Amino acid sequence: MAKDHGSSVKDDKQYEALRDQGASKEKAARIANSDTKSTSKKGGKAPAYEDWTKDDLEQRAKEVGIEGRSDMNKGELIKALRDH
């Protein structure tokens, strides 16, 4: 059973799943509190990792907890993010 996150989170189970996937607390709460119908219409608009800068890839890797990211080149960062 999902932990109760109080009145600030509407869907505790979804919030926990998003946090387990590496989403920030803010992002997980925003998604868990959104209307499911409008959220499902918004997917698929992020650019491919190949279009990101190395700095952006490193920042994302940091957000999801990938170790050794500062020693990785752009290709290695992309692979690590996709495998995470």
C-alpha atoms as a PDB file:
ATOM      1  CA  MET A   1       0.000   0.000   0.000  1.00  0.00           C
ATOM      2  CA  ALA A   2       1.254   3.458  -0.882  1.00  0.00           C
ATOM      3  CA  LYS A   3       2.234   5.854   1.872  1.00  0.00           C
ATOM      4  CA  ASP A   4      -0.217   8.678   2.549  1.00  0.00           C
ATOM      5  CA  HIS A   5       1.394  11.938   1.411  1.00  0.00           C
ATOM      6  CA  GLY A   6      -1.343  14.118   2.811  1.00  0.00           C
ATOM      7  CA  SER A   7      -3.796  16.348   1.023  1.00  0.00           C
ATOM      8  CA  SER A   8      -1.092  17.759  -1.276  1.00  0.00           C
ATOM      9  CA  VAL A   9      -1.002  14.506  -3.304  1.00  0.00           C
ATOM     10  CA  LYS A  10      -4.228  13.120  -4.789  1.00  0.00           C
ATOM     11  CA  ASP A  11      -2.915   9.762  -6.070  1.00  0.00           C
ATOM     12  CA  ASP A  12      -0.385   8.355  -3.580  1.00  0.00           C
ATOM     13  CA  LYS A  13       0.173   5.138  -5.562  1.00  0.00           C
ATOM     14  CA  GLN A  14       1.044   7.019  -8.761  1.00  0.00           C
ATOM     15  CA  TYR A  15       3.245   9.440  -6.791  1.00  0.00           C
ATOM     16  CA  GLU A  16       5.240   6.550  -5.284  1.00  0.00           C
ATOM     17  CA  ALA A  17       5.638   4.872  -8.700  1.00  0.00           C
ATOM     18  CA  LEU A  18       6.944   8.091 -10.241  1.00  0.00           C
ATOM     19  CA  ARG A  19       9.385   8.661  -7.368  1.00  0.00           C
ATOM     20  CA  ASP A  20      10.643   5.068  -7.783  1.00  0.00           C
ATOM     21  CA  GLN A  21      11.279   5.852 -11.462  1.00  0.00           C
ATOM     22  CA  GLY A  22      13.438   8.829 -10.502  1.00  0.00           C
ATOM     23  CA  ALA A  23      10.975  11.707 -10.848  1.00  0.00           C
ATOM     24  CA  SER A  24      11.526  14.657  -8.542  1.00  0.00           C
ATOM     25  CA  LYS A  25       9.067  15.237  -5.708  1.00  0.00           C
ATOM     26  CA  GLU A  26       7.653  18.242  -7.560  1.00  0.00           C
ATOM     27  CA  LYS A  27       7.196  16.393 -10.856  1.00  0.00           C
ATOM     28  CA  ALA A  28       5.698  13.327  -9.181  1.00  0.00           C
ATOM     29  CA  ALA A  29       3.215  15.471  -7.232  1.00  0.00           C
ATOM     30  CA  ARG A  30       2.297  17.492 -10.333  1.00  0.00           C
ATOM     31  CA  ILE A  31       1.564  14.340 -12.335  1.00  0.00           C
ATOM     32  CA  ALA A  32      -0.197  12.548  -9.472  1.00  0.00           C
ATOM     33  CA  ASN A  33      -2.453  15.585  -8.994  1.00  0.00           C
ATOM     34  CA  SER A  34      -3.242  16.125 -12.676  1.00  0.00           C
ATOM     35  CA  ASP A  35      -6.363  15.089 -14.511  1.00  0.00           C
ATOM     36  CA  THR A  36      -5.565  11.712 -16.102  1.00  0.00           C
ATOM     37  CA  LYS A  37      -7.334  12.546 -19.356  1.00  0.00           C
ATOM     38  CA  SER A  38      -5.336  15.732 -19.958  1.00  0.00           C
ATOM     39  CA  THR A  39      -2.040  14.148 -18.892  1.00  0.00           C
ATOM     40  CA  SER A  40      -2.301  11.269 -21.338  1.00  0.00           C
ATOM     41  CA  LYS A  41      -2.752  13.694 -24.256  1.00  0.00           C
ATOM     42  CA  LYS A  42       0.534  15.511 -23.564  1.00  0.00           C
ATOM     43  CA  GLY A  43       3.047  12.653 -23.920  1.00  0.00           C
ATOM     44  CA  GLY A  44       5.735  12.220 -26.558  1.00  0.00           C
ATOM     45  CA  LYS A  45       6.852  15.823 -27.034  1.00  0.00           C
ATOM     46  CA  ALA A  46      10.311  15.701 -25.462  1.00  0.00           C
ATOM     47  CA  PRO A  47      13.239  15.875 -27.879  1.00  0.00           C
ATOM     48  CA  ALA A  48      15.393  12.787 -28.373  1.00  0.00           C
ATOM     49  CA  TYR A  49      18.413  12.517 -26.068  1.00  0.00           C
ATOM     50  CA  GLU A  50      20.645  12.937 -29.133  1.00  0.00           C
ATOM     51  CA  ASP A  51      19.308  16.514 -29.435  1.00  0.00           C
ATOM     52  CA  TRP A  52      20.188  17.362 -25.811  1.00  0.00           C
ATOM     53  CA  THR A  53      23.458  19.046 -24.840  1.00  0.00           C
ATOM     54  CA  LYS A  54      25.982  17.079 -22.800  1.00  0.00           C
ATOM     55  CA  ASP A  55      25.333  19.431 -19.865  1.00  0.00           C
ATOM     56  CA  ASP A  56      21.585  18.722 -20.052  1.00  0.00           C
ATOM     57  CA  LEU A  57      22.250  14.974 -20.193  1.00  0.00           C
ATOM     58  CA  GLU A  58      24.532  15.218 -17.149  1.00  0.00           C
ATOM     59  CA  GLN A  59      21.861  17.157 -15.248  1.00  0.00           C
ATOM     60  CA  ARG A  60      19.211  14.543 -16.064  1.00  0.00           C
ATOM     61  CA  ALA A  61      21.611  11.761 -15.066  1.00  0.00           C
ATOM     62  CA  LYS A  62      22.165  13.547 -11.758  1.00  0.00           C
ATOM     63  CA  GLU A  63      18.390  13.825 -11.208  1.00  0.00           C
ATOM     64  CA  VAL A  64      17.898  10.078 -11.648  1.00  0.00           C
ATOM     65  CA  GLY A  65      20.998   9.139  -9.631  1.00  0.00           C
ATOM     66  CA  ILE A  66      23.402   7.794 -12.253  1.00  0.00           C
ATOM     67  CA  GLU A  67      26.882   7.454 -10.758  1.00  0.00           C
ATOM     68  CA  GLY A  68      30.038   8.306 -12.726  1.00  0.00           C
ATOM     69  CA  ARG A  69      28.209  10.672 -15.048  1.00  0.00           C
ATOM     70  CA  SER A  70      30.954  13.309 -15.035  1.00  0.00           C
ATOM     71  CA  ASP A  71      33.362  10.812 -16.619  1.00  0.00           C
ATOM     72  CA  MET A  72      30.917   9.773 -19.364  1.00  0.00           C
ATOM     73  CA  ASN A  73      30.820  11.099 -22.899  1.00  0.00           C
ATOM     74  CA  LYS A  74      27.526  12.063 -24.550  1.00  0.00           C
ATOM     75  CA  GLY A  75      26.913   8.590 -26.003  1.00  0.00           C
ATOM     76  CA  GLU A  76      27.556   6.905 -22.666  1.00  0.00           C
ATOM     77  CA  LEU A  77      25.203   9.330 -20.906  1.00  0.00           C
ATOM     78  CA  ILE A  78      22.448   8.576 -23.423  1.00  0.00           C
ATOM     79  CA  LYS A  79      22.904   4.825 -22.961  1.00  0.00           C
ATOM     80  CA  ALA A  80      22.956   5.144 -19.166  1.00  0.00           C
ATOM     81  CA  LEU A  81      19.757   7.224 -19.180  1.00  0.00           C
ATOM     82  CA  ARG A  82      17.965   4.800 -21.482  1.00  0.00           C
ATOM     83  CA  ASP A  83      19.066   1.788 -19.434  1.00  0.00           C
ATOM     84  CA  HIS A  84      18.076   3.406 -16.142  1.00  0.00           C
END
